[in-house]
Amino acid sequence: MTLKFVGPSDPHHKTAVVMLHGAGANRHDLAPLKDMLDTEGAFDWYFPEAPICQSQDFNMHIWFPVADIVSMLSNPRSDLNVLESYTPPRIEEARRELDYFLAGILSKYDQIVLGGFSQGAMMSMDYFVRNPDPKIKGITLLSGTLADVKTWEKISDATKRPPVFQSHGSSDPILPERFGRQLLEFLARKNFQVSFHGFDGGHEIPQGLLNPLKVFLKSALHD
């Protein structure tokens, strides 16, 4: 299987941005970010679609089933250790498809920024810790959390860390802020340089986040 995506069939630039959507969305969900964040058309943009179809009628796709993790994270009694031993079901399927897709992207470009929203943020970080390609010059983690700590802990000390842009809403009802903070603590412990952007809001990409995200992309991707 080859992931469907929104993006160019052939490179127009030497640099690219790859953004992964969240659970229950599709390849078109984040595509408007291209015009919002790249008004000069400086980069190529790719928006792949998750391989698991959750609903044909509504064109909803997921990277891995979310019912269990959403239940855990939305429970106010869940402590911060709940993710330490959690491995998302069917994540290996998503890894195979995403690895194949991104290998093709990385072969075409000198530099990319990889990131996503919610579940897409988790898959983006998961890809990097397993495939720390030096062409990945930045990672954007929008309203995400930890996904597979046992795997992520294995990242080599010798791996060069790209800068990370992380955001999270203070009243996020889907992935509560405390779990975003747990991700931040993990990244700091693993020596990533993180620019954290908290905001008053829920599970979203607010308008106020666009300018700092645009600045991050320009800083990470340069000729």
Foldseek 3Di string as FASTA:
>chain_A
DAWDKDWDPAFPAQEEEEEEEAFFDFRVPCVVLCCLQPVPPHHTYMRTGADAQPDPVSRTHHVADCPVVQVLQLPPPRDLCPQVADATPPNVVSLVNVVVNVVVVVVRHQAYAYEYAERSRQVRLLNCQVPVDPRHQEYEYEAYAHHHNVSSVPRDLPRDAHAYEYEAECAANRRHVVRVVVRVVVCVVSPHHYDYHYDHDYRDCDPVNSVVVSVVVDVRDDD
